Amino acid sequence: MPYFPYQGKQIFYSESGTGRPLVMLHGNTASSVLFEFLLPLYQRDFRVIRMDFLGNGRSNRVETFPEDLWIEQAGQVLALIEHLKIEKADLLGTSGGAWAAVNAALKRPDLVHRVVADSFDGRTLHASFADDLQRERASAKNDPGARQFYEWCQGADWETVVDRDTQALVQCARHHRPLFCKPLETLRVPVLFMGSLQDTMCRRDMAEEYAAMARLVPHGTVHLFGAGGRSEQCRSRRRGGPAIPVRRIRTGSAGPPVIPQ
């Protein structure tokens, strides 16, 4: 299994397909296995690269996650692009991965071609984010389907990973940490803000927030689906394993998200 070094630790990644480099970035408490069912939609046209952020999936564990987690994760993305000697890559990030993707483009626009930022809160976390997250995570840890999802993504130590992630995000929200490393209006990379209006895990004013972000950036567009949300589950099957409920990334009935031109 391929790994690359990062700050004294090892980060897992995988590749499939041919074409333009496309790096897929998972959200919090998930891992790169989340994208397995999407690969047939992309690998004919893209060199699909998936990675497990430090502390997740098959990457080395960390004792704590930083409060500025999504800014730090952007550094991991850029390190992978440089490790693979890619001139420029498209980035597709969902949930926490969306913040990481945008931050990577803000930090190093010379390495990023285009960005899809899917299913995230945008410039700020909603007012009740910390309380909502703690309540949701506590409930999920007692739900058999959610426990299976966590174990599928993280392995046997899933509960430790979830608890560390929860602690970091709660501190981020309560300390009002910046979510972007630079002002969003300095972003020079084309970005598609994408999500579902029925996603109960995102802010209620998603349409307004996405429209505001698109106006700020020189090359921003928005696509919102009227139905579907991450609270719904689809059935996916691991090789040789049981059926696992997996949070669905909305791609629409016509196919996968379109990488903005």
C-alpha atoms as a PDB file:
ATOM      1  CA  MET A   1       0.000   0.000   0.000  1.00  0.00           C
ATOM      2  CA  PRO A   2       1.428   3.417  -0.941  1.00  0.00           C
ATOM      3  CA  TYR A   3       2.275   5.976   1.714  1.00  0.00           C
ATOM      4  CA  PHE A   4       4.110   9.276   1.678  1.00  0.00           C
ATOM      5  CA  PRO A   5       5.969  10.971   4.554  1.00  0.00           C
ATOM      6  CA  TYR A   6       4.583  14.044   6.241  1.00  0.00           C
ATOM      7  CA  GLN A   7       6.048  15.658   9.364  1.00  0.00           C
ATOM      8  CA  GLY A   8       7.500  12.387  10.607  1.00  0.00           C
ATOM      9  CA  LYS A   9       4.371  10.329   9.938  1.00  0.00           C
ATOM     10  CA  GLN A  10       3.002   8.273   7.043  1.00  0.00           C
ATOM     11  CA  ILE A  11      -0.101   9.204   5.053  1.00  0.00           C
ATOM     12  CA  PHE A  12      -1.939   6.584   2.994  1.00  0.00           C
ATOM     13  CA  TYR A  13      -3.073   7.262  -0.565  1.00  0.00           C
ATOM     14  CA  SER A  14      -4.285   5.259  -3.556  1.00  0.00           C
ATOM     15  CA  GLU A  15      -4.565   5.846  -7.300  1.00  0.00           C
ATOM     16  CA  SER A  16      -6.783   4.519 -10.081  1.00  0.00           C
ATOM     17  CA  GLY A  17      -7.760   5.560 -13.577  1.00  0.00           C
ATOM     18  CA  THR A  18      -6.082   7.742 -16.173  1.00  0.00           C
ATOM     19  CA  GLY A  19      -6.444  11.362 -17.206  1.00  0.00           C
ATOM     20  CA  ARG A  20      -6.269  14.662 -15.358  1.00  0.00           C
ATOM     21  CA  PRO A  21      -5.251  14.301 -11.688  1.00  0.00           C
ATOM     22  CA  LEU A  22      -8.250  14.502  -9.357  1.00  0.00           C
ATOM     23  CA  VAL A  23      -7.677  14.351  -5.591  1.00  0.00           C
ATOM     24  CA  MET A  24     -10.726  13.283  -3.560  1.00  0.00           C
ATOM     25  CA  LEU A  25     -10.817  14.490   0.047  1.00  0.00           C
ATOM     26  CA  HIS A  26     -13.013  12.863   2.670  1.00  0.00           C
ATOM     27  CA  GLY A  27     -14.787  14.571   5.543  1.00  0.00           C
ATOM     28  CA  ASN A  28     -14.342  14.283   9.299  1.00  0.00           C
ATOM     29  CA  THR A  29     -14.497  10.776  10.843  1.00  0.00           C
ATOM     30  CA  ALA A  30     -14.548   9.285   7.330  1.00  0.00           C
ATOM     31  CA  SER A  31     -11.731   8.022   5.110  1.00  0.00           C
ATOM     32  CA  SER A  32     -10.923   7.451   1.468  1.00  0.00           C
ATOM     33  CA  VAL A  33     -13.031   4.274   1.355  1.00  0.00           C
ATOM     34  CA  LEU A  34     -16.017   6.624   1.247  1.00  0.00           C
ATOM     35  CA  PHE A  35     -15.291   7.294  -2.432  1.00  0.00           C
ATOM     36  CA  GLU A  36     -14.993   3.673  -3.562  1.00  0.00           C
ATOM     37  CA  PHE A  37     -18.478   3.559  -5.043  1.00  0.00           C
ATOM     38  CA  LEU A  38     -17.776   6.744  -7.042  1.00  0.00           C
ATOM     39  CA  LEU A  39     -14.655   5.429  -8.770  1.00  0.00           C
ATOM     40  CA  PRO A  40     -16.464   3.954 -11.815  1.00  0.00           C
ATOM     41  CA  LEU A  41     -17.865   7.416 -12.541  1.00  0.00           C
ATOM     42  CA  TYR A  42     -14.457   9.069 -12.627  1.00  0.00           C
ATOM     43  CA  GLN A  43     -11.578   6.733 -13.374  1.00  0.00           C
ATOM     44  CA  ARG A  44     -12.178   6.604 -17.140  1.00  0.00           C
ATOM     45  CA  ASP A  45     -11.536  10.356 -17.386  1.00  0.00           C
ATOM     46  CA  PHE A  46      -9.396  11.130 -14.346  1.00  0.00           C
ATOM     47  CA  ARG A  47      -6.357   9.862 -12.523  1.00  0.00           C
ATOM     48  CA  VAL A  48      -8.238   9.544  -9.248  1.00  0.00           C
ATOM     49  CA  ILE A  49      -6.130   9.987  -6.119  1.00  0.00           C
ATOM     50  CA  ARG A  50      -7.614   9.323  -2.705  1.00  0.00           C
ATOM     51  CA  MET A  51      -5.924   9.964   0.611  1.00  0.00           C
ATOM     52  CA  ASP A  52      -6.607   9.363   4.289  1.00  0.00           C
ATOM     53  CA  PHE A  53      -5.909  12.479   6.316  1.00  0.00           C
ATOM     54  CA  LEU A  54      -3.539  11.972   9.236  1.00  0.00           C
ATOM     55  CA  GLY A  55      -5.324  10.291  12.132  1.00  0.00           C
ATOM     56  CA  ASN A  56      -7.879   8.677   9.826  1.00  0.00           C
ATOM     57  CA  GLY A  57      -8.268   5.469   7.836  1.00  0.00           C
ATOM     58  CA  ARG A  58      -4.979   3.752   7.065  1.00  0.00           C
ATOM     59  CA  SER A  59      -2.794   6.781   7.826  1.00  0.00           C
ATOM     60  CA  ASN A  60      -0.745   7.052  11.012  1.00  0.00           C
ATOM     61  CA  ARG A  61      -2.630   8.116  14.112  1.00  0.00           C
ATOM     62  CA  VAL A  62      -2.114  11.391  15.987  1.00  0.00           C
ATOM     63  CA  GLU A  63      -2.615  12.058  19.683  1.00  0.00           C
ATOM     64  CA  THR A  64      -4.760  15.132  19.033  1.00  0.00           C
ATOM     65  CA  PHE A  65      -6.190  16.966  16.059  1.00  0.00           C
ATOM     66  CA  PRO A  66      -5.443  20.717  15.855  1.00  0.00           C
ATOM     67  CA  GLU A  67      -8.230  23.254  16.246  1.00  0.00           C
ATOM     68  CA  ASP A  68      -7.341  24.591  12.802  1.00  0.00           C
ATOM     69  CA  LEU A  69      -7.783  21.089  11.429  1.00  0.00           C
ATOM     70  CA  TRP A  70      -8.965  21.983   7.930  1.00  0.00           C
ATOM     71  CA  ILE A  71      -6.144  24.471   7.419  1.00  0.00           C
ATOM     72  CA  GLU A  72      -3.601  21.898   8.561  1.00  0.00           C
ATOM     73  CA  GLN A  73      -5.107  19.225   6.323  1.00  0.00           C
ATOM     74  CA  ALA A  74      -4.594  21.516   3.335  1.00  0.00           C
ATOM     75  CA  GLY A  75      -0.875  21.143   3.951  1.00  0.00           C
ATOM     76  CA  GLN A  76      -1.242  17.367   3.706  1.00  0.00           C
ATOM     77  CA  VAL A  77      -3.032  17.714   0.363  1.00  0.00           C
ATOM     78  CA  LEU A  78      -0.293  19.943  -1.043  1.00  0.00           C
ATOM     79  CA  ALA A  79       2.406  17.597   0.238  1.00  0.00           C
ATOM     80  CA  LEU A  80       0.743  14.710  -1.632  1.00  0.00           C
ATOM     81  CA  ILE A  81       0.550  16.710  -4.867  1.00  0.00           C
ATOM     82  CA  GLU A  82       4.240  17.544  -4.559  1.00  0.00           C
ATOM     83  CA  HIS A  83       5.139  13.958  -3.630  1.00  0.00           C
ATOM     84  CA  LEU A  84       3.469  12.703  -6.808  1.00  0.00           C
ATOM     85  CA  LYS A  85       5.179  15.463  -8.837  1.00  0.00           C
ATOM     86  CA  ILE A  86       1.838  16.640 -10.225  1.00  0.00           C
ATOM     87  CA  GLU A  87       1.933  20.010 -11.948  1.00  0.00           C
ATOM     88  CA  LYS A  88      -1.662  20.890 -11.023  1.00  0.00           C
ATOM     89  CA  ALA A  89      -4.526  18.831  -9.616  1.00  0.00           C
ATOM     90  CA  ASP A  90      -8.287  19.176  -9.429  1.00  0.00           C
ATOM     91  CA  LEU A  91      -9.600  18.851  -5.861  1.00  0.00           C
ATOM     92  CA  LEU A  92     -12.972  17.421  -4.834  1.00  0.00           C
ATOM     93  CA  GLY A  93     -13.649  17.749  -1.121  1.00  0.00           C
ATOM     94  CA  THR A  94     -16.789  16.871   0.782  1.00  0.00           C
ATOM     95  CA  SER A  95     -17.752  18.193   4.230  1.00  0.00           C
ATOM     96  CA  GLY A  96     -14.479  18.812   6.111  1.00  0.00           C
ATOM     97  CA  GLY A  97     -12.633  17.884   2.937  1.00  0.00           C
ATOM     98  CA  ALA A  98     -14.235  20.903   1.246  1.00  0.00           C
ATOM     99  CA  TRP A  99     -12.527  23.276   3.688  1.00  0.00           C
ATOM    100  CA  ALA A 100      -9.236  21.433   3.165  1.00  0.00           C
ATOM    101  CA  ALA A 101      -9.614  21.743  -0.625  1.00  0.00           C
ATOM    102  CA  VAL A 102     -10.351  25.475  -0.543  1.00  0.00           C
ATOM    103  CA  ASN A 103      -7.497  26.094   1.890  1.00  0.00           C
ATOM    104  CA  ALA A 104      -5.093  24.170  -0.342  1.00  0.00           C
ATOM    105  CA  ALA A 105      -6.104  26.389  -3.269  1.00  0.00           C
ATOM    106  CA  LEU A 106      -5.668  29.505  -1.125  1.00  0.00           C
ATOM    107  CA  LYS A 107      -2.215  28.396   0.016  1.00  0.00           C
ATOM    108  CA  ARG A 108      -0.839  27.158  -3.294  1.00  0.00           C
ATOM    109  CA  PRO A 109      -2.894  28.166  -6.340  1.00  0.00           C
ATOM    110  CA  ASP A 110       0.093  27.143  -8.451  1.00  0.00           C
ATOM    111  CA  LEU A 111      -0.625  23.490  -7.554  1.00  0.00           C
ATOM    112  CA  VAL A 112      -4.425  23.527  -7.810  1.00  0.00           C
ATOM    113  CA  HIS A 113      -6.343  23.684 -11.075  1.00  0.00           C
ATOM    114  CA  ARG A 114      -9.980  23.671  -9.913  1.00  0.00           C
ATOM    115  CA  VAL A 115     -11.999  22.884  -6.778  1.00  0.00           C
ATOM    116  CA  VAL A 116     -15.357  21.283  -5.982  1.00  0.00           C
ATOM    117  CA  ALA A 117     -16.370  22.149  -2.403  1.00  0.00           C
ATOM    118  CA  ASP A 118     -19.303  19.951  -1.402  1.00  0.00           C
ATOM    119  CA  SER A 119     -21.601  19.953   1.644  1.00  0.00           C
ATOM    120  CA  PHE A 120     -19.928  22.334   4.087  1.00  0.00           C
ATOM    121  CA  ASP A 121     -20.954  25.375   6.125  1.00  0.00           C
ATOM    122  CA  GLY A 122     -18.820  27.919   4.291  1.00  0.00           C
ATOM    123  CA  ARG A 123     -17.164  30.906   5.950  1.00  0.00           C
ATOM    124  CA  THR A 124     -18.474  30.283   9.466  1.00  0.00           C
ATOM    125  CA  LEU A 125     -19.864  27.434  11.519  1.00  0.00           C
ATOM    126  CA  HIS A 126     -23.507  27.831  12.457  1.00  0.00           C
ATOM    127  CA  ALA A 127     -24.187  29.139  15.948  1.00  0.00           C
ATOM    128  CA  SER A 128     -25.166  25.807  17.499  1.00  0.00           C
ATOM    129  CA  PHE A 129     -22.438  23.806  15.717  1.00  0.00           C
ATOM    130  CA  ALA A 130     -20.548  22.652  18.827  1.00  0.00           C
ATOM    131  CA  ASP A 131     -23.638  21.537  20.739  1.00  0.00           C
ATOM    132  CA  ASP A 132     -25.186  19.933  17.673  1.00  0.00           C
ATOM    133  CA  LEU A 133     -21.980  18.055  16.883  1.00  0.00           C
ATOM    134  CA  GLN A 134     -21.577  16.667  20.385  1.00  0.00           C
ATOM    135  CA  ARG A 135     -25.195  15.554  20.455  1.00  0.00           C
ATOM    136  CA  GLU A 136     -24.972  13.975  17.007  1.00  0.00           C
ATOM    137  CA  ARG A 137     -21.718  12.148  17.727  1.00  0.00           C
ATOM    138  CA  ALA A 138     -22.976  10.806  21.062  1.00  0.00           C
ATOM    139  CA  SER A 139     -26.093   9.501  19.362  1.00  0.00           C
ATOM    140  CA  ALA A 140     -24.135   8.042  16.444  1.00  0.00           C
ATOM    141  CA  LYS A 141     -21.814   6.073  18.727  1.00  0.00           C
ATOM    142  CA  ASN A 142     -24.866   4.236  20.043  1.00  0.00           C
ATOM    143  CA  ASP A 143     -26.367   3.606  16.623  1.00  0.00           C
ATOM    144  CA  PRO A 144     -25.418   0.231  15.072  1.00  0.00           C
ATOM    145  CA  GLY A 145     -25.399   1.603  11.521  1.00  0.00           C
ATOM    146  CA  ALA A 146     -23.223   4.582  12.419  1.00  0.00           C
ATOM    147  CA  ARG A 147     -20.854   2.364  14.397  1.00  0.00           C
ATOM    148  CA  GLN A 148     -20.470   0.147  11.334  1.00  0.00           C
ATOM    149  CA  PHE A 149     -19.759   3.201   9.209  1.00  0.00           C
ATOM    150  CA  TYR A 150     -17.089   4.451  11.603  1.00  0.00           C
ATOM    151  CA  GLU A 151     -15.455   1.028  11.819  1.00  0.00           C
ATOM    152  CA  TRP A 152     -15.545   0.651   8.031  1.00  0.00           C
ATOM    153  CA  CYS A 153     -13.732   3.970   7.648  1.00  0.00           C
ATOM    154  CA  GLN A 154     -11.376   3.845  10.635  1.00  0.00           C
ATOM    155  CA  GLY A 155     -10.928   0.307  11.829  1.00  0.00           C
ATOM    156  CA  ALA A 156     -11.004  -1.058  15.364  1.00  0.00           C
ATOM    157  CA  ASP A 157      -9.965   2.236  17.015  1.00  0.00           C
ATOM    158  CA  TRP A 158     -12.820   4.186  15.431  1.00  0.00           C
ATOM    159  CA  GLU A 159     -14.159   5.495  18.740  1.00  0.00           C
ATOM    160  CA  THR A 160     -10.824   7.111  19.644  1.00  0.00           C
ATOM    161  CA  VAL A 161     -10.670   8.751  16.217  1.00  0.00           C
ATOM    162  CA  VAL A 162     -14.228  10.059  16.523  1.00  0.00           C
ATOM    163  CA  ASP A 163     -13.649  11.426  20.039  1.00  0.00           C
ATOM    164  CA  ARG A 164     -10.440  13.229  19.031  1.00  0.00           C
ATOM    165  CA  ASP A 165     -12.124  14.717  15.993  1.00  0.00           C
ATOM    166  CA  THR A 166     -15.113  15.860  18.042  1.00  0.00           C
ATOM    167  CA  GLN A 167     -12.857  17.540  20.590  1.00  0.00           C
ATOM    168  CA  ALA A 168     -10.958  19.458  17.880  1.00  0.00           C
ATOM    169  CA  LEU A 169     -14.080  20.680  16.096  1.00  0.00           C
ATOM    170  CA  VAL A 170     -15.808  21.719  19.317  1.00  0.00           C
ATOM    171  CA  GLN A 171     -12.739  23.769  20.273  1.00  0.00           C
ATOM    172  CA  CYS A 172     -12.603  25.259  16.777  1.00  0.00           C
ATOM    173  CA  ALA A 173     -16.220  26.386  17.046  1.00  0.00           C
ATOM    174  CA  ARG A 174     -16.073  27.662  20.612  1.00  0.00           C
ATOM    175  CA  HIS A 175     -12.816  29.549  20.058  1.00  0.00           C
ATOM    176  CA  HIS A 176     -14.127  30.987  16.774  1.00  0.00           C
ATOM    177  CA  ARG A 177     -11.077  29.822  14.880  1.00  0.00           C
ATOM    178  CA  PRO A 178     -10.742  30.944  11.252  1.00  0.00           C
ATOM    179  CA  LEU A 179     -11.854  28.330   8.759  1.00  0.00           C
ATOM    180  CA  PHE A 180      -9.796  29.711   5.890  1.00  0.00           C
ATOM    181  CA  CYS A 181      -6.093  30.548   5.951  1.00  0.00           C
ATOM    182  CA  LYS A 182      -6.584  33.661   3.801  1.00  0.00           C
ATOM    183  CA  PRO A 183      -9.522  35.887   2.836  1.00  0.00           C
ATOM    184  CA  LEU A 184     -11.789  33.956   0.495  1.00  0.00           C
ATOM    185  CA  GLU A 185     -11.820  36.816  -1.993  1.00  0.00           C
ATOM    186  CA  THR A 186      -8.105  36.166  -2.685  1.00  0.00           C
ATOM    187  CA  LEU A 187      -8.954  32.749  -4.158  1.00  0.00           C
ATOM    188  CA  ARG A 188      -7.943  32.724  -7.827  1.00  0.00           C
ATOM    189  CA  VAL A 189      -8.834  29.105  -8.580  1.00  0.00           C
ATOM    190  CA  PRO A 190     -12.239  28.235 -10.130  1.00  0.00           C
ATOM    191  CA  VAL A 191     -14.486  26.701  -7.485  1.00  0.00           C
ATOM    192  CA  LEU A 192     -17.886  24.993  -7.566  1.00  0.00           C
ATOM    193  CA  PHE A 193     -19.839  25.204  -4.301  1.00  0.00           C
ATOM    194  CA  MET A 194     -22.166  22.224  -4.193  1.00  0.00           C
ATOM    195  CA  GLY A 195     -24.648  20.782  -1.707  1.00  0.00           C
ATOM    196  CA  SER A 196     -28.186  19.641  -0.991  1.00  0.00           C
ATOM    197  CA  LEU A 197     -30.901  21.900   0.355  1.00  0.00           C
ATOM    198  CA  GLN A 198     -32.135  18.930   2.412  1.00  0.00           C
ATOM    199  CA  ASP A 199     -28.787  18.326   4.109  1.00  0.00           C
ATOM    200  CA  THR A 200     -29.672  18.712   7.791  1.00  0.00           C
ATOM    201  CA  MET A 201     -25.998  18.573   8.770  1.00  0.00           C
ATOM    202  CA  CYS A 202     -25.289  21.895   7.037  1.00  0.00           C
ATOM    203  CA  ARG A 203     -26.416  25.415   7.845  1.00  0.00           C
ATOM    204  CA  ARG A 204     -30.041  26.240   7.076  1.00  0.00           C
ATOM    205  CA  ASP A 205     -29.097  29.275   4.974  1.00  0.00           C
ATOM    206  CA  MET A 206     -26.834  27.229   2.694  1.00  0.00           C
ATOM    207  CA  ALA A 207     -28.201  28.803  -0.504  1.00  0.00           C
ATOM    208  CA  GLU A 208     -27.509  32.323   0.734  1.00  0.00           C
ATOM    209  CA  GLU A 209     -24.049  31.428   2.066  1.00  0.00           C
ATOM    210  CA  TYR A 210     -22.982  29.651  -1.115  1.00  0.00           C
ATOM    211  CA  ALA A 211     -24.236  32.551  -3.249  1.00  0.00           C
ATOM    212  CA  ALA A 212     -22.301  35.014  -1.083  1.00  0.00           C
ATOM    213  CA  MET A 213     -19.099  32.969  -1.403  1.00  0.00           C
ATOM    214  CA  ALA A 214     -19.532  32.693  -5.169  1.00  0.00           C
ATOM    215  CA  ARG A 215     -19.802  36.484  -5.390  1.00  0.00           C
ATOM    216  CA  LEU A 216     -16.595  36.883  -3.375  1.00  0.00           C
ATOM    217  CA  VAL A 217     -14.364  34.689  -5.512  1.00  0.00           C
ATOM    218  CA  PRO A 218     -13.526  35.669  -9.088  1.00  0.00           C
ATOM    219  CA  HIS A 219     -14.467  32.264 -10.543  1.00  0.00           C
ATOM    220  CA  GLY A 220     -17.154  30.845  -8.252  1.00  0.00           C
ATOM    221  CA  THR A 221     -20.298  28.937  -9.207  1.00  0.00           C
ATOM    222  CA  VAL A 222     -23.034  27.204  -7.196  1.00  0.00           C
ATOM    223  CA  HIS A 223     -25.034  24.037  -7.758  1.00  0.00           C
ATOM    224  CA  LEU A 224     -27.599  23.000  -5.154  1.00  0.00           C
ATOM    225  CA  PHE A 225     -29.667  19.818  -5.293  1.00  0.00           C
ATOM    226  CA  GLY A 226     -33.249  20.091  -4.140  1.00  0.00           C
ATOM    227  CA  ALA A 227     -33.350  16.625  -2.596  1.00  0.00           C
ATOM    228  CA  GLY A 228     -31.054  14.319  -0.693  1.00  0.00           C
ATOM    229  CA  GLY A 229     -28.861  14.687   2.349  1.00  0.00           C
ATOM    230  CA  ARG A 230     -26.059  13.000   4.209  1.00  0.00           C
ATOM    231  CA  SER A 231     -28.495  11.733   6.818  1.00  0.00           C
ATOM    232  CA  GLU A 232     -29.827   9.341   4.189  1.00  0.00           C
ATOM    233  CA  GLN A 233     -27.909   6.136   3.746  1.00  0.00           C
ATOM    234  CA  CYS A 234     -27.151   3.910   0.846  1.00  0.00           C
ATOM    235  CA  ARG A 235     -25.936   0.366   0.968  1.00  0.00           C
ATOM    236  CA  SER A 236     -22.387  -0.420  -0.003  1.00  0.00           C
ATOM    237  CA  ARG A 237     -20.576  -3.722   0.337  1.00  0.00           C
ATOM    238  CA  ARG A 238     -16.970  -4.220   1.269  1.00  0.00           C
ATOM    239  CA  ARG A 239     -15.114  -6.951  -0.516  1.00  0.00           C
ATOM    240  CA  GLY A 240     -15.948 -10.112   1.333  1.00  0.00           C
ATOM    241  CA  GLY A 241     -17.639  -8.204   4.111  1.00  0.00           C
ATOM    242  CA  PRO A 242     -21.099  -7.254   5.314  1.00  0.00           C
ATOM    243  CA  ALA A 243     -23.289  -4.573   3.830  1.00  0.00           C
ATOM    244  CA  ILE A 244     -22.290  -1.244   5.372  1.00  0.00           C
ATOM    245  CA  PRO A 245     -24.466   1.881   5.585  1.00  0.00           C
ATOM    246  CA  VAL A 246     -22.509   4.738   4.005  1.00  0.00           C
ATOM    247  CA  ARG A 247     -23.317   8.434   4.039  1.00  0.00           C
ATOM    248  CA  ARG A 248     -24.077   9.393   0.492  1.00  0.00           C
ATOM    249  CA  ILE A 249     -22.319  12.136  -1.404  1.00  0.00           C
ATOM    250  CA  ARG A 250     -24.893  13.696  -3.665  1.00  0.00           C
ATOM    251  CA  THR A 251     -23.998  13.515  -7.336  1.00  0.00           C
ATOM    252  CA  GLY A 252     -27.452  13.952  -8.863  1.00  0.00           C
ATOM    253  CA  SER A 253     -29.298  11.504 -11.025  1.00  0.00           C
ATOM    254  CA  ALA A 254     -27.434  12.481 -14.198  1.00  0.00           C
ATOM    255  CA  GLY A 255     -23.971  11.557 -12.968  1.00  0.00           C
ATOM    256  CA  PRO A 256     -21.025  12.756 -10.910  1.00  0.00           C
ATOM    257  CA  PRO A 257     -20.263  16.363  -9.962  1.00  0.00           C
ATOM    258  CA  VAL A 258     -18.856  18.300 -12.905  1.00  0.00           C
ATOM    259  CA  ILE A 259     -15.397  19.730 -12.311  1.00  0.00           C
ATOM    260  CA  PRO A 260     -15.803  23.441 -13.157  1.00  0.00           C
ATOM    261  CA  GLN A 261     -14.084  24.620 -16.331  1.00  0.00           C
END
